[in-house]
């Protein structure tokens, strides 16, 4: 059953949210293929719509003084869909680990083959205190989807990333109006765009397969300047690989860590 993002609760509760949509012009680069940040945008919107469908969305949480905060995410791009290709975007909760609620995703092509798969972990945060809450009371109300994993155990998705030494500053970004989302901080998709902008565009355009891991460590507020540091990674199965870290310029506090692996 296709779900309606304009009316998430209109068709009753669904265990797995799914939307069908074409790859539009704003979601591709010069290679005519879907960009990594567009993948994150698709998954963000699917997760928000499904949370609304399940009664744990934005409006429900505002009443309780709570918010969902994305903590970690791994995305595996096995094939980059092309412009106008019709896709099915799916998302579903899948239990919890300690303080983290788990949400899985995939993007499937017209042959029902998963061309992109992902796993994420989320925190439920007290908005006023900016502190995480234990998720079990919420998780118990969600579909368990036992065994419905998007990544294999070998993929080890949404894990803590290792601190890298010898990172070099490549740029800095100030958080401006278009970076800030409803929760009052830089949106998770914007971090991906900041990272993409540090690289040679041809590396991204020529990539046919990708793996991207990110840990969101602390929120970036409007007006704050973040220094982005990077380091090439060696001895991987991919053509190119990079580690990244974003640090708040004023305090040197890490805001995110990420690793990107590219293969033509």
C-alpha atoms as a PDB file:
ATOM      1  CA  UNK A   1       0.000   0.000   0.000  1.00  0.00           C
ATOM      2  CA  UNK A   2       1.365   3.424  -0.964  1.00  0.00           C
ATOM      3  CA  UNK A   3       1.240   5.902   1.910  1.00  0.00           C
ATOM      4  CA  UNK A   4       0.143   9.524   1.621  1.00  0.00           C
ATOM      5  CA  UNK A   5       2.635  12.026   3.126  1.00  0.00           C
ATOM      6  CA  UNK A   6       0.018  14.783   2.848  1.00  0.00           C
ATOM      7  CA  UNK A   7      -2.239  12.817   5.211  1.00  0.00           C
ATOM      8  CA  UNK A   8      -0.062  10.330   7.138  1.00  0.00           C
ATOM      9  CA  UNK A   9      -2.895   9.101   9.357  1.00  0.00           C
ATOM     10  CA  UNK A  10      -5.429   8.851   6.542  1.00  0.00           C
ATOM     11  CA  UNK A  11      -4.993   5.136   5.823  1.00  0.00           C
ATOM     12  CA  UNK A  12      -4.559   3.841   9.345  1.00  0.00           C
ATOM     13  CA  UNK A  13      -1.407   2.661  11.103  1.00  0.00           C
ATOM     14  CA  UNK A  14       1.199   0.990   8.865  1.00  0.00           C
ATOM     15  CA  UNK A  15       4.187  -1.075  10.023  1.00  0.00           C
ATOM     16  CA  UNK A  16       6.363  -0.020   7.073  1.00  0.00           C
ATOM     17  CA  UNK A  17       5.950   3.404   5.498  1.00  0.00           C
ATOM     18  CA  UNK A  18       6.392   3.564   1.729  1.00  0.00           C
ATOM     19  CA  UNK A  19       6.111   6.298  -0.870  1.00  0.00           C
ATOM     20  CA  UNK A  20       6.496   6.120  -4.638  1.00  0.00           C
ATOM     21  CA  UNK A  21       8.169   9.048  -6.367  1.00  0.00           C
ATOM     22  CA  UNK A  22      10.340   9.870  -9.386  1.00  0.00           C
ATOM     23  CA  UNK A  23      13.891  11.200  -9.159  1.00  0.00           C
ATOM     24  CA  UNK A  24      13.351  14.890  -9.802  1.00  0.00           C
ATOM     25  CA  UNK A  25      15.757  17.452 -11.273  1.00  0.00           C
ATOM     26  CA  UNK A  26      16.714  18.954  -7.904  1.00  0.00           C
ATOM     27  CA  UNK A  27      17.863  15.552  -6.625  1.00  0.00           C
ATOM     28  CA  UNK A  28      20.562  14.881  -9.248  1.00  0.00           C
ATOM     29  CA  UNK A  29      24.038  16.179 -10.038  1.00  0.00           C
ATOM     30  CA  UNK A  30      25.835  16.548 -13.384  1.00  0.00           C
ATOM     31  CA  UNK A  31      26.040  12.759 -13.706  1.00  0.00           C
ATOM     32  CA  UNK A  32      22.219  12.677 -14.030  1.00  0.00           C
ATOM     33  CA  UNK A  33      22.096  10.509 -10.886  1.00  0.00           C
ATOM     34  CA  UNK A  34      20.669  10.812  -7.379  1.00  0.00           C
ATOM     35  CA  UNK A  35      22.903  12.673  -4.911  1.00  0.00           C
ATOM     36  CA  UNK A  36      23.769  11.508  -1.414  1.00  0.00           C
ATOM     37  CA  UNK A  37      22.132  14.509   0.232  1.00  0.00           C
ATOM     38  CA  UNK A  38      18.919  13.803  -1.719  1.00  0.00           C
ATOM     39  CA  UNK A  39      18.938  10.272  -0.287  1.00  0.00           C
ATOM     40  CA  UNK A  40      19.103  11.736   3.212  1.00  0.00           C
ATOM     41  CA  UNK A  41      16.268  14.118   2.315  1.00  0.00           C
ATOM     42  CA  UNK A  42      14.082  11.226   1.102  1.00  0.00           C
ATOM     43  CA  UNK A  43      14.745   9.276   4.283  1.00  0.00           C
ATOM     44  CA  UNK A  44      14.143  12.265   6.546  1.00  0.00           C
ATOM     45  CA  UNK A  45      10.737  12.956   5.019  1.00  0.00           C
ATOM     46  CA  UNK A  46       9.715   9.279   5.122  1.00  0.00           C
ATOM     47  CA  UNK A  47      10.705   9.019   8.796  1.00  0.00           C
ATOM     48  CA  UNK A  48       8.764  12.175   9.687  1.00  0.00           C
ATOM     49  CA  UNK A  49       5.652  11.005   7.845  1.00  0.00           C
ATOM     50  CA  UNK A  50       5.786   7.571   9.459  1.00  0.00           C
ATOM     51  CA  UNK A  51       6.222   9.081  12.928  1.00  0.00           C
ATOM     52  CA  UNK A  52       3.086  11.155  12.291  1.00  0.00           C
ATOM     53  CA  UNK A  53       1.282   8.012  11.114  1.00  0.00           C
ATOM     54  CA  UNK A  54       2.272   6.176  14.308  1.00  0.00           C
ATOM     55  CA  UNK A  55       1.205   9.009  16.626  1.00  0.00           C
ATOM     56  CA  UNK A  56       4.761   9.935  17.659  1.00  0.00           C
ATOM     57  CA  UNK A  57       5.336  12.798  15.211  1.00  0.00           C
ATOM     58  CA  UNK A  58       6.172  16.464  15.579  1.00  0.00           C
ATOM     59  CA  UNK A  59       2.809  17.693  16.871  1.00  0.00           C
ATOM     60  CA  UNK A  60       2.424  14.742  19.246  1.00  0.00           C
ATOM     61  CA  UNK A  61       5.886  15.274  20.710  1.00  0.00           C
ATOM     62  CA  UNK A  62       5.551  19.064  21.017  1.00  0.00           C
ATOM     63  CA  UNK A  63       2.597  18.511  23.354  1.00  0.00           C
ATOM     64  CA  UNK A  64       4.824  16.263  25.474  1.00  0.00           C
ATOM     65  CA  UNK A  65       7.795  18.650  25.366  1.00  0.00           C
ATOM     66  CA  UNK A  66       9.866  16.118  23.436  1.00  0.00           C
ATOM     67  CA  UNK A  67      11.609  15.797  20.062  1.00  0.00           C
ATOM     68  CA  UNK A  68      13.239  13.129  17.909  1.00  0.00           C
ATOM     69  CA  UNK A  69      16.953  13.835  17.331  1.00  0.00           C
ATOM     70  CA  UNK A  70      18.931  11.848  14.763  1.00  0.00           C
ATOM     71  CA  UNK A  71      22.095  10.479  16.371  1.00  0.00           C
ATOM     72  CA  UNK A  72      23.794   8.103  13.915  1.00  0.00           C
ATOM     73  CA  UNK A  73      23.185   6.908  10.382  1.00  0.00           C
ATOM     74  CA  UNK A  74      24.733   4.599   7.801  1.00  0.00           C
ATOM     75  CA  UNK A  75      23.716   4.690   4.134  1.00  0.00           C
ATOM     76  CA  UNK A  76      24.814   2.111   1.539  1.00  0.00           C
ATOM     77  CA  UNK A  77      24.286   3.189  -2.073  1.00  0.00           C
ATOM     78  CA  UNK A  78      24.531   0.081  -4.263  1.00  0.00           C
ATOM     79  CA  UNK A  79      23.372   1.875  -7.394  1.00  0.00           C
ATOM     80  CA  UNK A  80      22.576   5.550  -7.981  1.00  0.00           C
ATOM     81  CA  UNK A  81      19.145   5.927  -9.611  1.00  0.00           C
ATOM     82  CA  UNK A  82      18.872   8.252 -12.610  1.00  0.00           C
ATOM     83  CA  UNK A  83      16.713  11.277 -13.360  1.00  0.00           C
ATOM     84  CA  UNK A  84      13.001  10.435 -13.729  1.00  0.00           C
ATOM     85  CA  UNK A  85      13.516   6.861 -12.526  1.00  0.00           C
ATOM     86  CA  UNK A  86      10.532   5.745 -10.436  1.00  0.00           C
ATOM     87  CA  UNK A  87      11.429   4.661  -6.920  1.00  0.00           C
ATOM     88  CA  UNK A  88       9.816   3.339  -3.774  1.00  0.00           C
ATOM     89  CA  UNK A  89      11.146   4.861  -0.533  1.00  0.00           C
ATOM     90  CA  UNK A  90      10.494   2.781   2.594  1.00  0.00           C
ATOM     91  CA  UNK A  91      11.095   3.389   6.296  1.00  0.00           C
ATOM     92  CA  UNK A  92      10.250   1.471   9.459  1.00  0.00           C
ATOM     93  CA  UNK A  93      11.112   1.328  13.191  1.00  0.00           C
ATOM     94  CA  UNK A  94      13.007  -1.733  14.358  1.00  0.00           C
ATOM     95  CA  UNK A  95      13.295  -1.810  18.158  1.00  0.00           C
ATOM     96  CA  UNK A  96      15.902  -0.105  20.296  1.00  0.00           C
ATOM     97  CA  UNK A  97      19.426  -0.333  21.716  1.00  0.00           C
ATOM     98  CA  UNK A  98      19.909   1.301  25.124  1.00  0.00           C
ATOM     99  CA  UNK A  99      18.878   4.960  24.686  1.00  0.00           C
ATOM    100  CA  UNK A 100      18.629   4.666  20.896  1.00  0.00           C
ATOM    101  CA  UNK A 101      15.495   3.994  18.858  1.00  0.00           C
ATOM    102  CA  UNK A 102      16.359   2.237  15.581  1.00  0.00           C
ATOM    103  CA  UNK A 103      14.850   3.128  12.218  1.00  0.00           C
ATOM    104  CA  UNK A 104      15.643   1.392   8.928  1.00  0.00           C
ATOM    105  CA  UNK A 105      15.191   2.535   5.329  1.00  0.00           C
ATOM    106  CA  UNK A 106      15.600   1.466   1.762  1.00  0.00           C
ATOM    107  CA  UNK A 107      14.993   2.743  -1.752  1.00  0.00           C
ATOM    108  CA  UNK A 108      13.732   0.164  -4.221  1.00  0.00           C
ATOM    109  CA  UNK A 109      13.644   0.368  -8.024  1.00  0.00           C
ATOM    110  CA  UNK A 110      10.919  -0.724 -10.465  1.00  0.00           C
ATOM    111  CA  UNK A 111      12.114  -4.341 -10.130  1.00  0.00           C
ATOM    112  CA  UNK A 112      11.738  -4.131  -6.326  1.00  0.00           C
ATOM    113  CA  UNK A 113      15.514  -4.298  -5.845  1.00  0.00           C
ATOM    114  CA  UNK A 114      16.970  -2.292  -2.951  1.00  0.00           C
ATOM    115  CA  UNK A 115      19.408   0.145  -4.590  1.00  0.00           C
ATOM    116  CA  UNK A 116      19.958   2.078  -1.331  1.00  0.00           C
ATOM    117  CA  UNK A 117      19.753   0.745   2.231  1.00  0.00           C
ATOM    118  CA  UNK A 118      20.206   2.526   5.549  1.00  0.00           C
ATOM    119  CA  UNK A 119      20.058   2.225   9.315  1.00  0.00           C
ATOM    120  CA  UNK A 120      19.705   5.043  11.824  1.00  0.00           C
ATOM    121  CA  UNK A 121      19.512   5.560  15.560  1.00  0.00           C
ATOM    122  CA  UNK A 122      17.483   8.311  17.208  1.00  0.00           C
ATOM    123  CA  UNK A 123      17.275   9.884  20.641  1.00  0.00           C
ATOM    124  CA  UNK A 124      14.101  11.119  22.282  1.00  0.00           C
ATOM    125  CA  UNK A 125      15.062  14.446  23.852  1.00  0.00           C
ATOM    126  CA  UNK A 126      13.451  16.671  26.464  1.00  0.00           C
ATOM    127  CA  UNK A 127      13.170  19.949  24.523  1.00  0.00           C
ATOM    128  CA  UNK A 128      13.571  22.248  27.524  1.00  0.00           C
ATOM    129  CA  UNK A 129      16.468  20.404  29.191  1.00  0.00           C
ATOM    130  CA  UNK A 130      18.082  19.228  25.903  1.00  0.00           C
ATOM    131  CA  UNK A 131      18.645  15.834  27.497  1.00  0.00           C
ATOM    132  CA  UNK A 132      17.868  12.349  26.152  1.00  0.00           C
ATOM    133  CA  UNK A 133      15.026  10.334  27.650  1.00  0.00           C
ATOM    134  CA  UNK A 134      14.662   6.574  27.945  1.00  0.00           C
ATOM    135  CA  UNK A 135      12.780   5.476  24.806  1.00  0.00           C
ATOM    136  CA  UNK A 136      11.135   2.262  25.948  1.00  0.00           C
ATOM    137  CA  UNK A 137       7.738   3.768  26.725  1.00  0.00           C
ATOM    138  CA  UNK A 138       7.561   5.067  23.136  1.00  0.00           C
ATOM    139  CA  UNK A 139       9.206   2.024  21.501  1.00  0.00           C
ATOM    140  CA  UNK A 140       6.649  -0.333  23.071  1.00  0.00           C
ATOM    141  CA  UNK A 141       3.912   1.458  21.118  1.00  0.00           C
ATOM    142  CA  UNK A 142       5.658   1.097  17.744  1.00  0.00           C
ATOM    143  CA  UNK A 143       5.605  -1.841  15.299  1.00  0.00           C
ATOM    144  CA  UNK A 144       8.492  -4.151  16.296  1.00  0.00           C
ATOM    145  CA  UNK A 145       9.248  -5.290  12.723  1.00  0.00           C
ATOM    146  CA  UNK A 146      11.371  -8.096  14.151  1.00  0.00           C
ATOM    147  CA  UNK A 147      13.883  -9.421  11.619  1.00  0.00           C
ATOM    148  CA  UNK A 148      13.155  -6.748   9.024  1.00  0.00           C
ATOM    149  CA  UNK A 149      16.706  -5.411   8.755  1.00  0.00           C
ATOM    150  CA  UNK A 150      17.932  -3.169   5.945  1.00  0.00           C
ATOM    151  CA  UNK A 151      21.652  -3.799   6.562  1.00  0.00           C
ATOM    152  CA  UNK A 152      23.428  -7.042   7.397  1.00  0.00           C
ATOM    153  CA  UNK A 153      25.285  -7.561  10.661  1.00  0.00           C
ATOM    154  CA  UNK A 154      28.501  -7.412   8.633  1.00  0.00           C
ATOM    155  CA  UNK A 155      27.628  -3.893   7.483  1.00  0.00           C
ATOM    156  CA  UNK A 156      27.604  -2.779  11.141  1.00  0.00           C
ATOM    157  CA  UNK A 157      25.425   0.241  10.482  1.00  0.00           C
ATOM    158  CA  UNK A 158      24.871   3.285  12.694  1.00  0.00           C
ATOM    159  CA  UNK A 159      27.852   2.589  14.960  1.00  0.00           C
ATOM    160  CA  UNK A 160      30.154   4.983  16.819  1.00  0.00           C
ATOM    161  CA  UNK A 161      32.979   6.243  14.590  1.00  0.00           C
ATOM    162  CA  UNK A 162      36.635   6.221  15.618  1.00  0.00           C
ATOM    163  CA  UNK A 163      38.304   9.533  16.411  1.00  0.00           C
ATOM    164  CA  UNK A 164      40.812  10.263  13.635  1.00  0.00           C
ATOM    165  CA  UNK A 165      44.168  11.977  14.114  1.00  0.00           C
ATOM    166  CA  UNK A 166      45.914  14.338  11.672  1.00  0.00           C
ATOM    167  CA  UNK A 167      42.702  15.826  10.325  1.00  0.00           C
ATOM    168  CA  UNK A 168      43.241  19.000   8.314  1.00  0.00           C
ATOM    169  CA  UNK A 169      40.873  21.978   8.126  1.00  0.00           C
ATOM    170  CA  UNK A 170      39.323  22.273   4.671  1.00  0.00           C
ATOM    171  CA  UNK A 171      36.667  24.951   5.176  1.00  0.00           C
ATOM    172  CA  UNK A 172      34.298  26.562   7.629  1.00  0.00           C
ATOM    173  CA  UNK A 173      30.545  27.122   7.495  1.00  0.00           C
ATOM    174  CA  UNK A 174      28.346  29.562   9.353  1.00  0.00           C
ATOM    175  CA  UNK A 175      24.870  28.282  10.206  1.00  0.00           C
ATOM    176  CA  UNK A 176      22.428  30.552   8.394  1.00  0.00           C
ATOM    177  CA  UNK A 177      18.650  30.694   7.927  1.00  0.00           C
ATOM    178  CA  UNK A 178      18.432  27.933   5.287  1.00  0.00           C
ATOM    179  CA  UNK A 179      20.501  25.579   7.470  1.00  0.00           C
ATOM    180  CA  UNK A 180      18.153  25.701  10.468  1.00  0.00           C
ATOM    181  CA  UNK A 181      15.150  23.397  10.820  1.00  0.00           C
ATOM    182  CA  UNK A 182      12.031  23.343  13.006  1.00  0.00           C
ATOM    183  CA  UNK A 183      14.031  22.137  16.035  1.00  0.00           C
ATOM    184  CA  UNK A 184      16.156  25.295  15.954  1.00  0.00           C
ATOM    185  CA  UNK A 185      19.440  23.720  14.868  1.00  0.00           C
ATOM    186  CA  UNK A 186      21.231  22.766  11.645  1.00  0.00           C
ATOM    187  CA  UNK A 187      19.217  20.088   9.852  1.00  0.00           C
ATOM    188  CA  UNK A 188      20.795  16.655   9.465  1.00  0.00           C
ATOM    189  CA  UNK A 189      20.690  16.855   5.653  1.00  0.00           C
ATOM    190  CA  UNK A 190      22.657  20.105   5.637  1.00  0.00           C
ATOM    191  CA  UNK A 191      25.626  18.343   7.274  1.00  0.00           C
ATOM    192  CA  UNK A 192      25.768  16.024   4.249  1.00  0.00           C
ATOM    193  CA  UNK A 193      25.750  18.970   1.857  1.00  0.00           C
ATOM    194  CA  UNK A 194      28.537  20.689   3.812  1.00  0.00           C
ATOM    195  CA  UNK A 195      30.642  17.527   3.543  1.00  0.00           C
ATOM    196  CA  UNK A 196      29.906  17.067  -0.165  1.00  0.00           C
ATOM    197  CA  UNK A 197      31.013  20.661  -0.805  1.00  0.00           C
ATOM    198  CA  UNK A 198      34.510  19.925   0.573  1.00  0.00           C
ATOM    199  CA  UNK A 199      35.229  17.353  -2.161  1.00  0.00           C
ATOM    200  CA  UNK A 200      36.188  17.458  -5.816  1.00  0.00           C
ATOM    201  CA  UNK A 201      32.778  17.376  -7.558  1.00  0.00           C
ATOM    202  CA  UNK A 202      34.036  14.804 -10.080  1.00  0.00           C
ATOM    203  CA  UNK A 203      34.660  12.295  -7.293  1.00  0.00           C
ATOM    204  CA  UNK A 204      30.988  12.446  -6.358  1.00  0.00           C
ATOM    205  CA  UNK A 205      29.730  12.606  -9.948  1.00  0.00           C
ATOM    206  CA  UNK A 206      31.760   9.543 -10.989  1.00  0.00           C
ATOM    207  CA  UNK A 207      30.828   7.462  -7.951  1.00  0.00           C
ATOM    208  CA  UNK A 208      28.473   4.590  -8.715  1.00  0.00           C
ATOM    209  CA  UNK A 209      28.488   3.128  -5.206  1.00  0.00           C
ATOM    210  CA  UNK A 210      28.912   4.800  -1.821  1.00  0.00           C
ATOM    211  CA  UNK A 211      28.950   4.132   1.870  1.00  0.00           C
ATOM    212  CA  UNK A 212      28.400   7.016   4.257  1.00  0.00           C
ATOM    213  CA  UNK A 213      28.493   6.894   8.059  1.00  0.00           C
ATOM    214  CA  UNK A 214      27.785   9.870  10.277  1.00  0.00           C
ATOM    215  CA  UNK A 215      27.568  10.505  14.025  1.00  0.00           C
ATOM    216  CA  UNK A 216      25.711  13.670  15.070  1.00  0.00           C
ATOM    217  CA  UNK A 217      27.486  14.652  18.301  1.00  0.00           C
ATOM    218  CA  UNK A 218      26.167  18.090  19.263  1.00  0.00           C
ATOM    219  CA  UNK A 219      23.701  20.502  17.747  1.00  0.00           C
ATOM    220  CA  UNK A 220      24.829  23.520  15.740  1.00  0.00           C
ATOM    221  CA  UNK A 221      22.749  26.627  16.384  1.00  0.00           C
ATOM    222  CA  UNK A 222      22.039  29.609  14.146  1.00  0.00           C
ATOM    223  CA  UNK A 223      25.044  31.896  13.774  1.00  0.00           C
ATOM    224  CA  UNK A 224      27.592  29.346  14.968  1.00  0.00           C
ATOM    225  CA  UNK A 225      30.659  28.737  12.798  1.00  0.00           C
ATOM    226  CA  UNK A 226      31.764  25.143  12.234  1.00  0.00           C
ATOM    227  CA  UNK A 227      35.238  24.204  11.028  1.00  0.00           C
ATOM    228  CA  UNK A 228      35.202  21.120   8.803  1.00  0.00           C
ATOM    229  CA  UNK A 229      38.293  18.928   8.878  1.00  0.00           C
ATOM    230  CA  UNK A 230      39.114  15.998   6.615  1.00  0.00           C
ATOM    231  CA  UNK A 231      41.605  13.183   6.045  1.00  0.00           C
ATOM    232  CA  UNK A 232      41.933  10.601   3.228  1.00  0.00           C
ATOM    233  CA  UNK A 233      41.530   7.020   4.469  1.00  0.00           C
ATOM    234  CA  UNK A 234      43.743   4.200   3.194  1.00  0.00           C
ATOM    235  CA  UNK A 235      43.414   0.417   2.970  1.00  0.00           C
ATOM    236  CA  UNK A 236      39.703   0.250   2.144  1.00  0.00           C
ATOM    237  CA  UNK A 237      37.794  -1.761  -0.455  1.00  0.00           C
ATOM    238  CA  UNK A 238      36.678   1.473  -2.105  1.00  0.00           C
ATOM    239  CA  UNK A 239      38.387   3.670  -4.709  1.00  0.00           C
ATOM    240  CA  UNK A 240      38.441   6.719  -2.444  1.00  0.00           C
ATOM    241  CA  UNK A 241      37.634   7.212   1.229  1.00  0.00           C
ATOM    242  CA  UNK A 242      37.621  10.182   3.592  1.00  0.00           C
ATOM    243  CA  UNK A 243      37.087  10.902   7.274  1.00  0.00           C
ATOM    244  CA  UNK A 244      35.480  14.160   8.392  1.00  0.00           C
ATOM    245  CA  UNK A 245      34.912  16.034  11.597  1.00  0.00           C
ATOM    246  CA  UNK A 246      33.005  19.239  12.235  1.00  0.00           C
ATOM    247  CA  UNK A 247      34.144  21.316  15.198  1.00  0.00           C
ATOM    248  CA  UNK A 248      32.531  24.422  16.597  1.00  0.00           C
ATOM    249  CA  UNK A 249      34.980  27.234  16.013  1.00  0.00           C
ATOM    250  CA  UNK A 250      34.309  28.992  19.299  1.00  0.00           C
ATOM    251  CA  UNK A 251      34.684  25.972  21.597  1.00  0.00           C
ATOM    252  CA  UNK A 252      36.394  23.273  19.444  1.00  0.00           C
ATOM    253  CA  UNK A 253      33.555  20.953  20.499  1.00  0.00           C
ATOM    254  CA  UNK A 254      32.942  18.182  17.919  1.00  0.00           C
ATOM    255  CA  UNK A 255      29.560  18.584  16.223  1.00  0.00           C
ATOM    256  CA  UNK A 256      29.792  15.545  13.928  1.00  0.00           C
ATOM    257  CA  UNK A 257      32.095  12.794  12.653  1.00  0.00           C
ATOM    258  CA  UNK A 258      31.628  11.098   9.310  1.00  0.00           C
ATOM    259  CA  UNK A 259      33.266   8.692   6.865  1.00  0.00           C
ATOM    260  CA  UNK A 260      32.574   8.549   3.124  1.00  0.00           C
ATOM    261  CA  UNK A 261      33.602   5.683   0.820  1.00  0.00           C
ATOM    262  CA  UNK A 262      33.346   5.973  -2.969  1.00  0.00           C
ATOM    263  CA  UNK A 263      33.591   3.427  -5.789  1.00  0.00           C
ATOM    264  CA  UNK A 264      33.179   4.092  -9.518  1.00  0.00           C
END
